[in-house]
């Protein structure tokens, strides 16, 4: 289930730069990540498997989305995911 969701997220994020960024962000982060992937991550026990899943999510996010952010801040759509990482 998780790998299918990750493949879908990865495919959606490939549209960054082709489709307006707010559309890609909304579909990929607000809809898919926050509704489905985060639920899966929250139900995965803490440990190496959860860390590996989180790394997969982070690795597919476009770096340019983070270039103009202040240190210690994140995109509003990633707030819940960031809180999960801090736990």
N, C-alpha and C. Protein backbone atom coordinates (compact mmCIF):
# COMPACT_ATOMS: atom_id res chain seq x y z
N UNK A 1 0.83 -1.20 0.00
CA UNK A 1 0.00 0.00 0.00
C UNK A 1 0.87 1.26 0.00
N UNK A 2 1.85 1.31 0.91
CA UNK A 2 2.72 2.47 1.01
C UNK A 2 3.50 2.68 -0.28
N UNK A 3 4.03 1.62 -0.85
CA UNK A 3 4.83 1.77 -2.07
C UNK A 3 3.98 2.28 -3.23
N UNK A 4 2.74 1.88 -3.30
CA UNK A 4 1.84 2.39 -4.35
C UNK A 4 1.58 3.88 -4.16
N UNK A 5 1.36 4.28 -2.91
CA UNK A 5 1.15 5.70 -2.62
C UNK A 5 2.40 6.52 -2.93
N UNK A 6 3.57 5.96 -2.62
CA UNK A 6 4.82 6.67 -2.90
C UNK A 6 5.03 6.82 -4.41
N UNK A 7 4.70 5.79 -5.15
CA UNK A 7 4.83 5.86 -6.61
C UNK A 7 3.91 6.94 -7.16
N UNK A 8 2.69 7.01 -6.63
CA UNK A 8 1.75 8.04 -7.06
C UNK A 8 2.25 9.43 -6.69
N UNK A 9 2.76 9.60 -5.48
CA UNK A 9 3.31 10.90 -5.07
C UNK A 9 4.48 11.29 -5.96
N UNK A 10 5.36 10.37 -6.21
CA UNK A 10 6.52 10.63 -7.06
C UNK A 10 6.07 11.07 -8.46
N UNK A 11 5.08 10.39 -9.00
CA UNK A 11 4.57 10.74 -10.34
C UNK A 11 3.91 12.11 -10.35
N UNK A 12 3.16 12.43 -9.30
CA UNK A 12 2.53 13.74 -9.21
C UNK A 12 3.59 14.83 -9.14
N UNK A 13 4.63 14.62 -8.34
CA UNK A 13 5.66 15.64 -8.18
C UNK A 13 6.52 15.82 -9.42
N UNK A 14 6.51 14.84 -10.31
CA UNK A 14 7.22 14.99 -11.58
C UNK A 14 6.60 16.08 -12.45
N UNK A 15 5.35 16.42 -12.18
CA UNK A 15 4.66 17.46 -12.93
C UNK A 15 5.07 18.86 -12.49
N UNK A 16 5.87 18.97 -11.43
CA UNK A 16 6.34 20.26 -10.97
C UNK A 16 7.13 20.94 -12.08
N UNK A 17 6.78 22.17 -12.38
CA UNK A 17 7.42 22.90 -13.46
C UNK A 17 6.64 22.82 -14.75
N UNK A 18 5.74 21.86 -14.86
CA UNK A 18 4.89 21.72 -16.06
C UNK A 18 3.50 22.25 -15.74
N UNK A 19 2.97 21.80 -14.61
CA UNK A 19 1.67 22.23 -14.10
C UNK A 19 1.95 23.29 -13.04
N UNK A 20 1.06 24.27 -12.83
CA UNK A 20 1.32 25.27 -11.80
C UNK A 20 1.67 24.64 -10.44
N UNK A 21 2.66 25.26 -9.78
CA UNK A 21 3.19 24.71 -8.53
C UNK A 21 2.11 24.53 -7.47
N UNK A 22 1.18 25.47 -7.37
CA UNK A 22 0.14 25.35 -6.35
C UNK A 22 -0.77 24.15 -6.59
N UNK A 23 -0.97 23.78 -7.85
CA UNK A 23 -1.76 22.60 -8.19
C UNK A 23 -1.03 21.33 -7.78
N UNK A 24 0.26 21.26 -8.09
CA UNK A 24 1.08 20.10 -7.73
C UNK A 24 1.16 19.97 -6.21
N UNK A 25 1.37 21.09 -5.53
CA UNK A 25 1.44 21.10 -4.07
C UNK A 25 0.13 20.63 -3.46
N UNK A 26 -0.96 21.14 -3.96
CA UNK A 26 -2.27 20.78 -3.41
C UNK A 26 -2.55 19.30 -3.59
N UNK A 27 -2.36 18.82 -4.79
CA UNK A 27 -2.64 17.41 -5.07
C UNK A 27 -1.66 16.48 -4.37
N UNK A 28 -0.37 16.77 -4.47
CA UNK A 28 0.65 15.88 -3.91
C UNK A 28 0.76 15.94 -2.40
N UNK A 29 0.77 17.16 -1.86
CA UNK A 29 1.00 17.31 -0.42
C UNK A 29 -0.29 17.36 0.38
N UNK A 30 -1.18 18.27 0.02
CA UNK A 30 -2.41 18.42 0.80
C UNK A 30 -3.31 17.20 0.70
N UNK A 31 -3.43 16.68 -0.50
CA UNK A 31 -4.36 15.56 -0.68
C UNK A 31 -3.71 14.21 -0.40
N UNK A 32 -2.66 13.88 -1.12
CA UNK A 32 -2.07 12.55 -1.01
C UNK A 32 -1.22 12.36 0.26
N UNK A 33 -0.26 13.25 0.48
CA UNK A 33 0.62 13.08 1.64
C UNK A 33 -0.14 13.21 2.95
N UNK A 34 -0.89 14.29 3.11
CA UNK A 34 -1.55 14.54 4.39
C UNK A 34 -2.75 13.63 4.65
N UNK A 35 -3.38 13.12 3.63
CA UNK A 35 -4.55 12.27 3.85
C UNK A 35 -4.21 10.79 3.93
N UNK A 36 -3.31 10.33 3.09
CA UNK A 36 -3.07 8.88 2.99
C UNK A 36 -1.70 8.45 3.47
N UNK A 37 -0.65 9.09 2.98
CA UNK A 37 0.70 8.68 3.37
C UNK A 37 0.96 8.94 4.85
N UNK A 38 0.53 10.08 5.34
CA UNK A 38 0.78 10.40 6.75
C UNK A 38 0.02 9.43 7.66
N UNK A 39 -1.17 9.05 7.27
CA UNK A 39 -1.94 8.07 8.04
C UNK A 39 -1.18 6.75 8.13
N UNK A 40 -0.60 6.33 7.01
CA UNK A 40 0.20 5.11 6.99
C UNK A 40 1.43 5.26 7.88
N UNK A 41 2.09 6.40 7.81
CA UNK A 41 3.29 6.63 8.63
C UNK A 41 2.95 6.64 10.12
N UNK A 42 1.82 7.24 10.47
CA UNK A 42 1.42 7.30 11.88
C UNK A 42 1.07 5.93 12.43
N UNK A 43 0.66 5.02 11.55
CA UNK A 43 0.31 3.66 11.98
C UNK A 43 1.48 2.69 11.88
N UNK A 44 2.63 3.17 11.43
CA UNK A 44 3.84 2.35 11.38
C UNK A 44 4.59 2.56 12.69
N UNK A 45 4.92 1.48 13.40
CA UNK A 45 5.63 1.64 14.67
C UNK A 45 6.96 2.38 14.48
N UNK A 46 7.36 3.17 15.48
CA UNK A 46 8.65 3.86 15.39
C UNK A 46 9.78 2.84 15.18
N UNK A 47 10.73 3.21 14.37
CA UNK A 47 11.86 2.33 14.12
C UNK A 47 12.37 2.48 12.71
N UNK A 48 13.23 1.58 12.29
CA UNK A 48 13.89 1.67 10.98
C UNK A 48 12.91 1.72 9.80
N UNK A 49 11.81 0.96 9.88
CA UNK A 49 10.85 0.94 8.78
C UNK A 49 10.20 2.31 8.60
N UNK A 50 9.84 2.94 9.71
CA UNK A 50 9.22 4.26 9.66
C UNK A 50 10.21 5.29 9.13
N UNK A 51 11.46 5.21 9.57
CA UNK A 51 12.50 6.13 9.11
C UNK A 51 12.72 5.98 7.61
N UNK A 52 12.75 4.76 7.13
CA UNK A 52 12.95 4.51 5.70
C UNK A 52 11.79 5.10 4.89
N UNK A 53 10.56 4.93 5.39
CA UNK A 53 9.39 5.49 4.69
C UNK A 53 9.46 7.02 4.65
N UNK A 54 9.83 7.63 5.77
CA UNK A 54 9.95 9.09 5.81
C UNK A 54 11.03 9.58 4.87
N UNK A 55 12.14 8.87 4.80
CA UNK A 55 13.22 9.23 3.86
C UNK A 55 12.75 9.18 2.42
N UNK A 56 11.92 8.20 2.09
CA UNK A 56 11.38 8.09 0.73
C UNK A 56 10.51 9.29 0.40
N UNK A 57 9.70 9.72 1.36
CA UNK A 57 8.85 10.89 1.14
C UNK A 57 9.72 12.12 0.90
N UNK A 58 10.68 12.34 1.78
CA UNK A 58 11.55 13.52 1.69
C UNK A 58 12.33 13.52 0.38
N UNK A 59 12.80 12.37 -0.04
CA UNK A 59 13.65 12.31 -1.24
C UNK A 59 12.91 12.66 -2.52
N UNK A 60 11.61 12.56 -2.53
CA UNK A 60 10.90 12.87 -3.78
C UNK A 60 10.40 14.31 -3.82
N UNK A 61 10.56 15.07 -2.74
CA UNK A 61 10.12 16.47 -2.73
C UNK A 61 11.11 17.34 -3.50
N UNK A 62 10.60 18.21 -4.38
CA UNK A 62 11.50 19.08 -5.15
C UNK A 62 12.28 20.03 -4.24
N UNK A 63 13.59 20.06 -4.40
CA UNK A 63 14.46 20.89 -3.56
C UNK A 63 14.15 22.37 -3.71
N UNK A 64 13.75 22.79 -4.88
CA UNK A 64 13.52 24.21 -5.12
C UNK A 64 12.37 24.77 -4.28
N UNK A 65 11.49 23.90 -3.81
CA UNK A 65 10.40 24.35 -2.94
C UNK A 65 10.91 24.88 -1.61
N UNK A 66 12.13 24.52 -1.24
CA UNK A 66 12.68 24.85 0.08
C UNK A 66 13.76 25.92 0.03
N UNK A 67 14.14 26.37 -1.15
CA UNK A 67 15.26 27.30 -1.28
C UNK A 67 15.04 28.64 -0.58
N UNK A 68 13.83 29.17 -0.66
CA UNK A 68 13.58 30.50 -0.11
C UNK A 68 13.00 30.49 1.31
N UNK A 69 12.96 29.32 1.93
CA UNK A 69 12.43 29.22 3.29
C UNK A 69 13.49 29.61 4.31
N UNK A 70 13.03 30.19 5.40
CA UNK A 70 13.94 30.52 6.50
C UNK A 70 14.36 29.23 7.18
N UNK A 71 15.51 29.27 7.80
CA UNK A 71 16.01 28.10 8.53
C UNK A 71 15.02 27.71 9.62
N UNK A 72 14.73 26.40 9.70
CA UNK A 72 13.82 25.91 10.71
C UNK A 72 12.35 25.97 10.33
N UNK A 73 12.04 26.46 9.13
CA UNK A 73 10.65 26.54 8.71
C UNK A 73 10.40 25.54 7.58
N UNK A 74 9.13 25.35 7.26
CA UNK A 74 8.77 24.41 6.21
C UNK A 74 7.55 24.94 5.46
N UNK A 75 7.16 24.23 4.43
CA UNK A 75 5.94 24.58 3.70
C UNK A 75 4.73 24.32 4.59
N UNK A 76 3.72 25.15 4.51
CA UNK A 76 2.53 24.93 5.35
C UNK A 76 1.92 23.53 5.17
N UNK A 77 1.98 23.01 3.95
CA UNK A 77 1.41 21.68 3.66
C UNK A 77 2.21 20.56 4.31
N UNK A 78 3.41 20.85 4.75
CA UNK A 78 4.28 19.83 5.36
C UNK A 78 4.34 19.92 6.89
N UNK A 79 3.49 20.75 7.47
CA UNK A 79 3.52 20.94 8.93
C UNK A 79 3.29 19.63 9.67
N UNK A 80 2.26 18.89 9.30
CA UNK A 80 1.96 17.63 9.99
C UNK A 80 3.06 16.60 9.79
N UNK A 81 3.60 16.53 8.59
CA UNK A 81 4.69 15.61 8.31
C UNK A 81 5.92 16.00 9.12
N UNK A 82 6.21 17.29 9.21
CA UNK A 82 7.35 17.77 9.98
C UNK A 82 7.20 17.42 11.47
N UNK A 83 5.99 17.56 11.99
CA UNK A 83 5.74 17.20 13.38
C UNK A 83 5.97 15.70 13.60
N UNK A 84 5.57 14.90 12.61
CA UNK A 84 5.82 13.46 12.72
C UNK A 84 7.31 13.16 12.75
N UNK A 85 8.08 13.86 11.93
CA UNK A 85 9.53 13.66 11.90
C UNK A 85 10.17 14.03 13.23
N UNK A 86 9.66 15.07 13.86
CA UNK A 86 10.23 15.51 15.14
C UNK A 86 9.96 14.52 16.26
N UNK A 87 8.90 13.74 16.13
CA UNK A 87 8.62 12.74 17.15
C UNK A 87 9.57 11.60 17.00
